[in-house]
Amino acid sequence: MISDVRLLTGKAELAQAARTFRTAMVGLPPLGPIDDALIDRLFEPDRTWGAFDGETLVGTTDSYSGRIAVPGGAWLPQAAVTHVGVLPTHTRRGAATALFKAQLRAAREQGEAAATLRASDARIYGNFGYAIANTSVSLEVDTQRARLRAGLTYSDKIRLIDSDDAWAIQARIYADQPVSRAGVITRSAYWWDFQALRQTHSGTPNYVAVHGDNGSETGFVRYHPVGLDSWFTSSERTIVVDDIVAYSPAAYVALVAHLLAVDLPHRIVFWSRPADDLLPWLFEDFRSVRVSAARDETWLRLLDAEKALTARSYAGQGSVVLEVSDAILPENATRLRLSPEGAERTNLSAAVVTDVAAVSAAYLGGVKWWQLAQTGRLGDFDRAAVETLDTLFTAPALPHSGTMF
C-alpha cells in the first residue's frame, strides 16, 4: 500500500532513491559508493520524488530542468524525466501512477511546457500522456568498403584532445551549436558529470576528436573500442561513436573522415543518429552503411499544450481547429486554431478532437497525423483536417535528440 508520495530532500533519502532505482532496473552496472559527493553529481535539487509504504521508500522518479528545440528553432522549457523505478515488491500497486501525477503537475506549475524521457518499458508511459515522438537509428559502417565520395569538401582541422580537458570542451561545443533540427535538448552539468562518472567506472578507453581552431571548434566526436579481450586478433574490431556534434555538413564529413583514418577497426557503429542522417550519402558505396537498429527515442508529454503549440512554427497553407483533452492535467485542455501564422485560442468547432498523447506524438514532426488517425489514436476528426495538420506540422528534417538520460 502506498501511504505517501513527496519530494525527497535529504542526502540520505536521495541515496536511498539511487539504490531503489538501480534495484528496480536490475541490470545496471554498479556506481560505487553512493556518498554525498555522488548525490550532488546525480540529483538536481527539489526534483526527486519518492513513493513510500509506511517509512519504506519503494519507488522514485526525478528529472532535470532544461529545454527542447521545437520546429522553427524556438526552445521550450522541459523536464527531462529519468531514474523511474519501483521495487519489484511493490509493482502494480499504484506507486508509478502516484509518482507521475505528482511529478507532471509540479513540472507544469514550475513553467515547464513538456516532459520527455527515454523508456525502458514501452508499455507504461502511454498511460500518463506520453507518446513516441521520433525514431533513432544505429548506423554501421563497413570500413573495408567505405570510401568518401569524390568532391566532398571538408577541413582537416581535426585534433585529439586529452581526457582531462575533454568533458569541458565537449560541453562548450554542444552548448554553442546551432539548432539544426527539432528534438535536440540542452545538457545540464548533471548530465555531463554523469557521463564522466560512467566513463570512469567503465574501464574502457575513449577518445575525443574536435574539429576547428582552438577555442572556436565547430564539432566533436567521442568514441570507444569494444571487444578489447580479442582486439588484436579479431576480424570484427569495432569502434562505437558515443556522441557526435557538427555545426555544418563539412564539419560532419571531417569528423567521419577522422574515424575512417583510425586504421584497425573493421566497423564503426554510430549508436544514435536521425533516421534521415547524411551518413550513407557520404560514401561512393551507399551499402557500406547499414541500419543495424531502429528504436524509439524521445517520449514526449506536453504539459502546457497551448504554450507548446504556440511556440512551434507551421508550414503550408490552411488552418485547423484542434481540441486537446488531458485526463491527468485537466487544466491542460485547450482548443486552438492552427495555421501558418501560428496558434491561437478559439471558440470555433473543432475539426479534430484528441487527447494530449496524440498531440505529443505529432508535435515534433516525427509522427504523421494520418498514422494516428489510421491506428485509432484520434478521437473525432475530419479527414481533410488531418491532411491539413500533416502539412502544417511538416518540418525540414526529422526530429532527433542524440542525448540519452
Protein backbone atom coordinates (compact mmCIF):
# COMPACT_ATOMS: atom_id res chain seq x y z
CA MET A 1 0.00 0.00 0.00
CA ILE A 2 1.36 3.42 -0.98
CA SER A 3 0.95 5.73 2.01
CA ASP A 4 2.75 8.86 0.80
CA VAL A 5 4.31 10.50 -2.27
CA ARG A 6 6.54 13.51 -1.71
CA LEU A 7 9.68 15.33 -2.75
CA LEU A 8 12.91 13.90 -1.35
CA THR A 9 15.37 16.39 0.04
CA GLY A 10 17.92 14.97 2.47
CA LYS A 11 21.09 13.25 1.27
CA ALA A 12 20.09 10.00 2.98
CA GLU A 13 16.74 9.91 1.14
CA LEU A 14 18.38 10.71 -2.19
CA ALA A 15 20.96 7.97 -1.65
CA GLN A 16 18.13 5.54 -0.97
CA ALA A 17 16.38 6.74 -4.13
CA ALA A 18 19.51 5.94 -6.15
CA ARG A 19 19.65 2.46 -4.64
CA THR A 20 15.91 1.92 -5.18
CA PHE A 21 16.17 2.86 -8.86
CA ARG A 22 19.12 0.56 -9.51
CA THR A 23 17.43 -2.32 -7.71
CA ALA A 24 14.30 -1.81 -9.82
CA MET A 25 16.30 -1.76 -13.07
CA VAL A 26 18.14 -4.99 -12.18
CA GLY A 27 20.71 -4.83 -15.00
CA LEU A 28 22.63 -1.61 -14.36
CA PRO A 29 26.36 -1.70 -13.59
CA PRO A 30 27.47 -0.59 -10.11
CA LEU A 31 28.28 3.06 -9.49
CA GLY A 32 30.41 2.51 -6.42
CA PRO A 33 29.71 4.04 -3.01
CA ILE A 34 26.72 6.39 -3.02
CA ASP A 35 28.15 9.15 -0.89
CA ASP A 36 27.30 12.85 -0.55
CA ALA A 37 29.65 13.81 -3.39
CA LEU A 38 27.91 11.40 -5.74
CA ILE A 39 24.49 12.63 -4.67
CA ASP A 40 25.48 16.19 -5.55
CA ARG A 41 26.52 14.99 -9.03
CA LEU A 42 23.39 12.93 -9.69
CA PHE A 43 20.43 14.91 -8.38
CA GLU A 44 19.19 18.38 -9.22
CA PRO A 45 17.68 19.81 -6.00
CA ASP A 46 13.92 19.57 -5.38
CA ARG A 47 13.20 17.36 -8.40
CA THR A 48 13.26 13.84 -6.94
CA TRP A 49 10.00 12.20 -5.88
CA GLY A 50 9.54 9.18 -3.66
CA ALA A 51 6.67 6.78 -3.04
CA PHE A 52 6.51 5.26 0.45
CA ASP A 53 4.95 2.22 2.02
CA GLY A 54 4.97 3.37 5.62
CA GLU A 55 8.55 4.52 6.23
CA THR A 56 10.00 2.48 3.34
CA LEU A 57 10.89 4.11 0.04
CA VAL A 58 9.54 1.77 -2.65
CA GLY A 59 9.52 3.91 -5.81
CA THR A 60 11.15 7.01 -7.23
CA THR A 61 11.39 9.32 -10.21
CA ASP A 62 13.34 12.50 -10.84
CA SER A 63 14.02 14.96 -13.65
CA TYR A 64 16.41 17.62 -14.85
CA SER A 65 15.31 21.07 -15.92
CA GLY A 66 16.21 22.09 -19.44
CA ARG A 67 14.89 22.99 -22.87
CA ILE A 68 13.96 21.18 -26.06
CA ALA A 69 14.23 22.60 -29.58
CA VAL A 70 10.93 22.67 -31.48
CA PRO A 71 10.13 23.11 -35.18
CA GLY A 72 11.01 26.64 -36.18
CA GLY A 73 14.04 26.85 -33.88
CA ALA A 74 12.42 28.00 -30.62
CA TRP A 75 13.33 26.43 -27.29
CA LEU A 76 10.63 25.07 -24.99
CA PRO A 77 11.23 24.60 -21.24
CA GLN A 78 11.05 20.92 -20.37
CA ALA A 79 11.55 18.34 -17.64
CA ALA A 80 13.90 15.53 -18.67
CA VAL A 81 12.41 12.66 -16.67
CA THR A 82 14.70 9.84 -15.58
CA HIS A 83 15.54 7.36 -12.79
CA VAL A 84 12.00 5.95 -12.77
CA GLY A 85 11.77 2.75 -10.77
CA VAL A 86 9.53 0.82 -8.38
CA LEU A 87 10.78 -2.08 -6.28
CA PRO A 88 9.54 -5.48 -7.52
CA THR A 89 7.80 -5.97 -4.16
CA HIS A 90 5.52 -3.02 -4.91
CA THR A 91 4.84 -3.01 -8.65
CA ARG A 92 1.25 -2.65 -9.87
CA ARG A 93 0.10 -1.12 -6.61
CA GLY A 94 -0.26 2.47 -7.83
CA ALA A 95 3.23 3.71 -6.96
CA ALA A 96 4.14 4.74 -10.53
CA THR A 97 0.76 6.38 -11.06
CA ALA A 98 1.07 8.44 -7.88
CA LEU A 99 4.66 9.41 -8.69
CA PHE A 100 3.91 10.51 -12.25
CA LYS A 101 0.84 12.51 -11.32
CA ALA A 102 2.79 14.43 -8.68
CA GLN A 103 5.80 14.94 -10.95
CA LEU A 104 3.82 16.09 -14.00
CA ARG A 105 1.73 18.56 -12.03
CA ALA A 106 4.78 20.02 -10.29
CA ALA A 107 6.62 20.42 -13.59
CA ARG A 108 3.69 22.26 -15.14
CA GLU A 109 3.40 24.53 -12.11
CA GLN A 110 7.12 25.33 -12.49
CA GLY A 111 6.50 26.54 -16.05
CA GLU A 112 7.80 23.52 -17.92
CA ALA A 113 5.68 23.04 -21.03
CA ALA A 114 6.83 19.50 -21.81
CA ALA A 115 8.30 16.40 -20.24
CA THR A 116 10.48 13.92 -22.11
CA LEU A 117 12.01 10.59 -21.24
CA ARG A 118 13.73 7.50 -22.64
CA ALA A 119 11.62 4.44 -21.96
CA SER A 120 12.99 1.19 -20.58
CA ASP A 121 9.48 -0.30 -20.84
CA ALA A 122 7.24 0.90 -23.67
CA ARG A 123 4.06 -0.38 -22.02
CA ILE A 124 3.98 2.12 -19.18
CA TYR A 125 4.24 5.70 -20.29
CA GLY A 126 1.30 5.98 -22.68
CA ASN A 127 -0.93 5.68 -19.64
CA PHE A 128 0.34 9.07 -18.48
CA GLY A 129 0.04 11.04 -21.72
CA TYR A 130 3.50 10.30 -23.11
CA ALA A 131 3.95 9.23 -26.72
CA ILE A 132 6.81 8.28 -29.02
CA ALA A 133 7.76 11.43 -30.93
CA ASN A 134 10.67 10.20 -33.03
CA THR A 135 12.80 7.24 -34.07
CA SER A 136 16.56 6.94 -33.71
CA VAL A 137 18.70 4.56 -35.75
CA SER A 138 22.07 2.90 -35.28
CA LEU A 139 24.26 3.03 -38.39
CA GLU A 140 27.10 0.61 -39.01
CA VAL A 141 29.93 1.48 -41.43
CA ASP A 142 31.95 -1.28 -43.09
CA THR A 143 35.37 0.37 -43.18
CA GLN A 144 36.65 -2.08 -45.79
CA ARG A 145 34.07 -0.80 -48.29
CA ALA A 146 33.55 2.79 -47.16
CA ARG A 147 35.19 5.46 -49.31
CA LEU A 148 34.10 9.07 -49.12
CA ARG A 149 32.68 10.42 -52.36
CA ALA A 150 34.99 12.42 -54.56
CA GLY A 151 34.28 16.12 -54.47
CA LEU A 152 33.31 16.35 -50.82
CA THR A 153 34.91 19.41 -49.29
CA TYR A 154 35.95 19.47 -45.66
CA SER A 155 38.67 20.82 -43.41
CA ASP A 156 41.46 18.73 -41.98
CA LYS A 157 41.48 20.78 -38.77
CA ILE A 158 40.97 17.77 -36.52
CA ARG A 159 42.84 17.14 -33.31
CA LEU A 160 42.60 14.65 -30.48
CA ILE A 161 42.24 16.18 -27.03
CA ASP A 162 43.40 14.96 -23.62
CA SER A 163 40.84 13.29 -21.43
CA ASP A 164 41.39 15.78 -18.61
CA ASP A 165 40.04 18.61 -20.76
CA ALA A 166 37.64 16.63 -22.92
CA TRP A 167 34.40 16.93 -20.96
CA ALA A 168 34.51 20.72 -20.59
CA ILE A 169 35.36 21.19 -24.26
CA GLN A 170 32.57 18.86 -25.39
CA ALA A 171 30.07 20.66 -23.16
CA ARG A 172 31.05 24.04 -24.61
CA ILE A 173 30.85 22.85 -28.22
CA TYR A 174 27.50 21.19 -27.61
CA ALA A 175 26.00 24.26 -25.89
CA ASP A 176 27.11 26.61 -28.69
CA GLN A 177 25.88 24.51 -31.61
CA PRO A 178 23.23 25.99 -33.94
CA VAL A 179 19.84 24.29 -33.76
CA SER A 180 19.68 22.03 -36.80
CA ARG A 181 16.53 20.04 -36.05
CA ALA A 182 13.72 19.67 -33.54
CA GLY A 183 14.21 17.30 -30.61
CA VAL A 184 17.67 18.49 -29.59
CA ILE A 185 17.79 19.12 -25.84
CA THR A 186 20.06 21.10 -23.57
CA ARG A 187 22.51 19.13 -21.46
CA SER A 188 22.95 20.16 -17.85
CA ALA A 189 26.12 19.97 -15.78
CA TYR A 190 24.49 16.96 -14.11
CA TRP A 191 24.32 15.17 -17.46
CA TRP A 192 27.97 15.81 -18.25
CA ASP A 193 29.04 14.80 -14.75
CA PHE A 194 27.19 11.51 -15.12
CA GLN A 195 28.88 10.77 -18.46
CA ALA A 196 32.25 11.33 -16.85
CA LEU A 197 31.24 9.09 -13.93
CA ARG A 198 30.11 6.31 -16.27
CA GLN A 199 33.34 6.55 -18.20
CA THR A 200 35.40 6.29 -15.01
CA HIS A 201 33.59 3.12 -13.98
CA SER A 202 33.51 1.53 -17.43
CA GLY A 203 37.20 0.66 -17.56
CA THR A 204 37.13 1.24 -21.33
CA PRO A 205 39.28 3.85 -23.07
CA ASN A 206 37.56 6.57 -25.01
CA TYR A 207 38.84 9.15 -27.44
CA VAL A 208 37.66 12.62 -28.36
CA ALA A 209 38.50 14.47 -31.56
CA VAL A 210 37.43 18.06 -32.20
CA HIS A 211 37.04 20.00 -35.42
CA GLY A 212 38.17 23.60 -35.86
CA ASP A 213 40.58 26.04 -34.31
CA ASN A 214 41.33 26.01 -30.60
CA GLY A 215 38.61 27.93 -28.78
CA SER A 216 36.30 28.13 -31.81
CA GLU A 217 35.65 24.48 -32.53
CA THR A 218 32.69 23.51 -34.70
CA GLY A 219 32.24 19.88 -33.76
CA PHE A 220 33.48 16.86 -31.85
CA VAL A 221 33.24 13.09 -31.86
CA ARG A 222 33.69 10.79 -28.86
CA TYR A 223 34.24 7.08 -29.47
CA HIS A 224 35.44 3.91 -27.78
CA PRO A 225 36.53 0.41 -28.84
CA VAL A 226 34.63 -2.77 -27.95
CA GLY A 227 35.91 -6.35 -27.67
CA LEU A 228 39.22 -5.46 -26.06
CA ASP A 229 39.96 -9.04 -24.98
CA SER A 230 40.42 -10.10 -28.61
CA TRP A 231 41.20 -6.71 -30.14
CA PHE A 232 44.46 -7.65 -31.89
CA THR A 233 43.26 -10.99 -33.25
CA SER A 234 39.64 -10.19 -34.09
CA SER A 235 38.36 -9.82 -37.64
CA GLU A 236 35.46 -7.70 -36.36
CA ARG A 237 37.22 -4.89 -34.49
CA THR A 238 34.63 -2.22 -33.77
CA ILE A 239 34.59 1.34 -32.51
CA VAL A 240 31.37 2.84 -31.21
CA VAL A 241 30.56 6.52 -31.64
CA ASP A 242 29.04 7.63 -28.35
CA ASP A 243 28.48 11.26 -29.31
CA ILE A 244 28.99 13.40 -32.39
CA VAL A 245 28.14 17.07 -32.87
CA ALA A 246 28.82 19.03 -36.06
CA TYR A 247 27.87 22.61 -36.78
CA SER A 248 27.81 22.03 -40.56
CA PRO A 249 27.84 19.20 -43.13
CA ALA A 250 31.51 19.96 -43.80
CA ALA A 251 32.35 19.54 -40.10
CA TYR A 252 30.40 16.26 -40.05
CA VAL A 253 32.34 14.93 -43.05
CA ALA A 254 35.63 15.92 -41.40
CA LEU A 255 34.75 14.02 -38.23
CA VAL A 256 33.66 10.96 -40.22
CA ALA A 257 36.92 11.14 -42.19
CA HIS A 258 38.82 11.12 -38.89
CA LEU A 259 37.03 7.94 -37.82
CA LEU A 260 37.88 6.29 -41.15
CA ALA A 261 41.52 7.24 -40.62
CA VAL A 262 41.67 5.06 -37.48
CA ASP A 263 43.39 2.10 -39.12
CA LEU A 264 42.44 -1.00 -37.15
CA PRO A 265 38.62 -1.09 -36.90
CA HIS A 266 36.57 -3.12 -39.36
CA ARG A 267 33.35 -1.45 -38.28
CA ILE A 268 32.25 1.92 -36.99
CA VAL A 269 28.92 1.97 -35.16
CA PHE A 270 27.05 5.25 -34.77
CA TRP A 271 24.68 4.23 -31.98
CA SER A 272 22.15 7.09 -32.27
CA ARG A 273 21.55 9.05 -35.45
CA PRO A 274 18.49 10.64 -37.09
CA ALA A 275 16.54 8.38 -39.44
CA ASP A 276 17.35 10.82 -42.28
CA ASP A 277 21.05 11.15 -41.44
CA LEU A 278 23.54 12.17 -44.13
CA LEU A 279 25.97 9.35 -43.38
CA PRO A 280 25.07 6.81 -46.14
CA TRP A 281 25.09 9.57 -48.75
CA LEU A 282 28.70 10.49 -47.99
CA PHE A 283 30.13 7.30 -49.49
CA GLU A 284 30.71 6.01 -53.00
CA ASP A 285 29.10 2.72 -51.93
CA PHE A 286 25.77 3.52 -50.27
CA ARG A 287 25.64 -0.06 -48.98
CA SER A 288 28.81 0.38 -46.97
CA VAL A 289 26.45 1.80 -44.33
CA ARG A 290 23.57 -0.23 -42.97
CA VAL A 291 20.89 0.41 -40.39
CA SER A 292 21.66 -2.07 -37.64
CA ALA A 293 18.89 -0.97 -35.25
CA ALA A 294 15.92 1.35 -35.03
CA ARG A 295 14.35 2.35 -31.74
CA ASP A 296 12.02 4.87 -30.18
CA GLU A 297 13.98 7.79 -28.77
CA THR A 298 12.03 10.74 -27.37
CA TRP A 299 8.86 10.02 -25.42
CA LEU A 300 7.18 13.41 -25.24
CA ARG A 301 4.41 14.64 -22.96
CA LEU A 302 3.01 18.14 -23.40
CA LEU A 303 2.31 19.71 -20.01
CA ASP A 304 1.13 23.06 -21.38
CA ALA A 305 -0.31 22.25 -24.79
CA GLU A 306 -1.22 25.85 -25.57
CA LYS A 307 2.26 27.14 -24.77
CA ALA A 308 3.89 24.33 -26.73
CA LEU A 309 1.69 24.65 -29.81
CA THR A 310 2.17 28.41 -29.81
CA ALA A 311 5.97 28.04 -29.62
CA ARG A 312 6.47 25.96 -32.76
CA SER A 313 6.15 27.03 -36.40
CA TYR A 314 3.75 25.71 -39.03
CA ALA A 315 4.17 25.10 -42.75
CA GLY A 316 1.99 25.16 -45.84
CA GLN A 317 -1.47 26.63 -46.09
CA GLY A 318 -4.86 26.23 -44.47
CA SER A 319 -5.96 26.06 -40.86
CA VAL A 320 -7.39 23.51 -38.45
CA VAL A 321 -9.18 23.86 -35.14
CA LEU A 322 -7.70 21.30 -32.77
CA GLU A 323 -9.18 20.38 -29.38
CA VAL A 324 -6.89 18.72 -26.84
CA SER A 325 -8.03 16.87 -23.73
CA ASP A 326 -5.92 15.73 -20.77
CA ALA A 327 -7.24 13.25 -18.22
CA ILE A 328 -4.36 13.73 -15.77
CA LEU A 329 -3.98 17.53 -16.07
CA PRO A 330 -7.47 18.83 -16.91
CA GLU A 331 -6.19 22.41 -16.89
CA ASN A 332 -4.05 21.48 -19.90
CA ALA A 333 -7.13 21.07 -22.10
CA THR A 334 -7.37 23.65 -24.86
CA ARG A 335 -8.91 24.44 -28.24
CA LEU A 336 -6.68 26.20 -30.75
CA ARG A 337 -6.81 27.31 -34.35
CA LEU A 338 -3.55 26.30 -36.03
CA SER A 339 -2.34 27.98 -39.23
CA PRO A 340 0.94 29.08 -40.83
CA GLU A 341 0.53 32.30 -38.81
CA GLY A 342 0.66 30.37 -35.54
CA ALA A 343 -1.70 29.04 -32.86
CA GLU A 344 -4.48 30.97 -31.15
CA ARG A 345 -7.35 30.17 -28.83
CA THR A 346 -10.74 29.86 -30.45
CA ASN A 347 -14.36 29.03 -29.69
CA LEU A 348 -14.92 27.61 -33.18
CA SER A 349 -15.95 23.98 -33.51
CA ALA A 350 -13.02 21.60 -33.57
CA ALA A 351 -12.27 19.59 -36.71
CA VAL A 352 -10.02 17.23 -34.74
CA VAL A 353 -10.64 16.27 -31.11
CA THR A 354 -7.98 14.17 -29.42
CA ASP A 355 -6.00 13.62 -26.25
CA VAL A 356 -2.64 15.01 -25.22
CA ALA A 357 -0.75 11.82 -26.09
CA ALA A 358 -1.68 12.05 -29.77
CA VAL A 359 -0.68 15.71 -29.96
CA SER A 360 2.57 14.91 -28.16
CA ALA A 361 3.36 12.22 -30.74
CA ALA A 362 2.88 14.58 -33.69
CA TYR A 363 4.33 17.70 -32.08
CA LEU A 364 7.96 17.48 -33.28
CA GLY A 365 7.04 16.37 -36.79
CA GLY A 366 8.36 12.82 -36.49
CA VAL A 367 4.94 11.14 -36.41
CA LYS A 368 2.26 11.85 -39.01
CA TRP A 369 -1.30 12.72 -38.12
CA TRP A 370 -2.54 10.20 -40.69
CA GLN A 371 -0.68 7.46 -38.78
CA LEU A 372 -2.51 8.45 -35.61
CA ALA A 373 -5.85 8.59 -37.43
CA GLN A 374 -5.50 5.23 -39.13
CA THR A 375 -4.50 3.45 -35.92
CA GLY A 376 -7.43 4.76 -33.91
CA ARG A 377 -5.39 7.18 -31.81
CA LEU A 378 -7.50 10.22 -32.62
CA GLY A 379 -10.97 10.90 -31.30
CA ASP A 380 -13.36 12.74 -33.60
CA PHE A 381 -11.71 14.02 -36.76
CA ASP A 382 -12.37 15.28 -40.24
CA ARG A 383 -10.22 13.51 -42.85
CA ALA A 384 -9.40 16.71 -44.72
CA ALA A 385 -8.39 18.35 -41.44
CA VAL A 386 -5.97 15.51 -40.74
CA GLU A 387 -4.34 16.08 -44.14
CA THR A 388 -4.03 19.78 -43.35
CA LEU A 389 -2.48 19.00 -39.96
CA ASP A 390 0.17 16.88 -41.67
CA THR A 391 1.01 19.82 -43.92
CA LEU A 392 1.09 22.28 -41.02
CA PHE A 393 3.34 20.04 -38.89
CA THR A 394 5.85 19.34 -41.68
CA ALA A 395 9.46 20.06 -40.68
CA PRO A 396 12.52 20.23 -42.95
CA ALA A 397 14.32 17.43 -41.07
CA LEU A 398 13.18 14.56 -38.89
CA PRO A 399 13.45 15.22 -35.15
CA HIS A 400 16.31 13.72 -33.19
CA SER A 401 17.90 14.28 -29.81
CA GLY A 402 21.02 12.14 -29.64
CA THR A 403 21.08 12.50 -25.85
CA MET A 404 20.42 9.54 -23.58
CA PHE A 405 19.46 10.31 -19.97
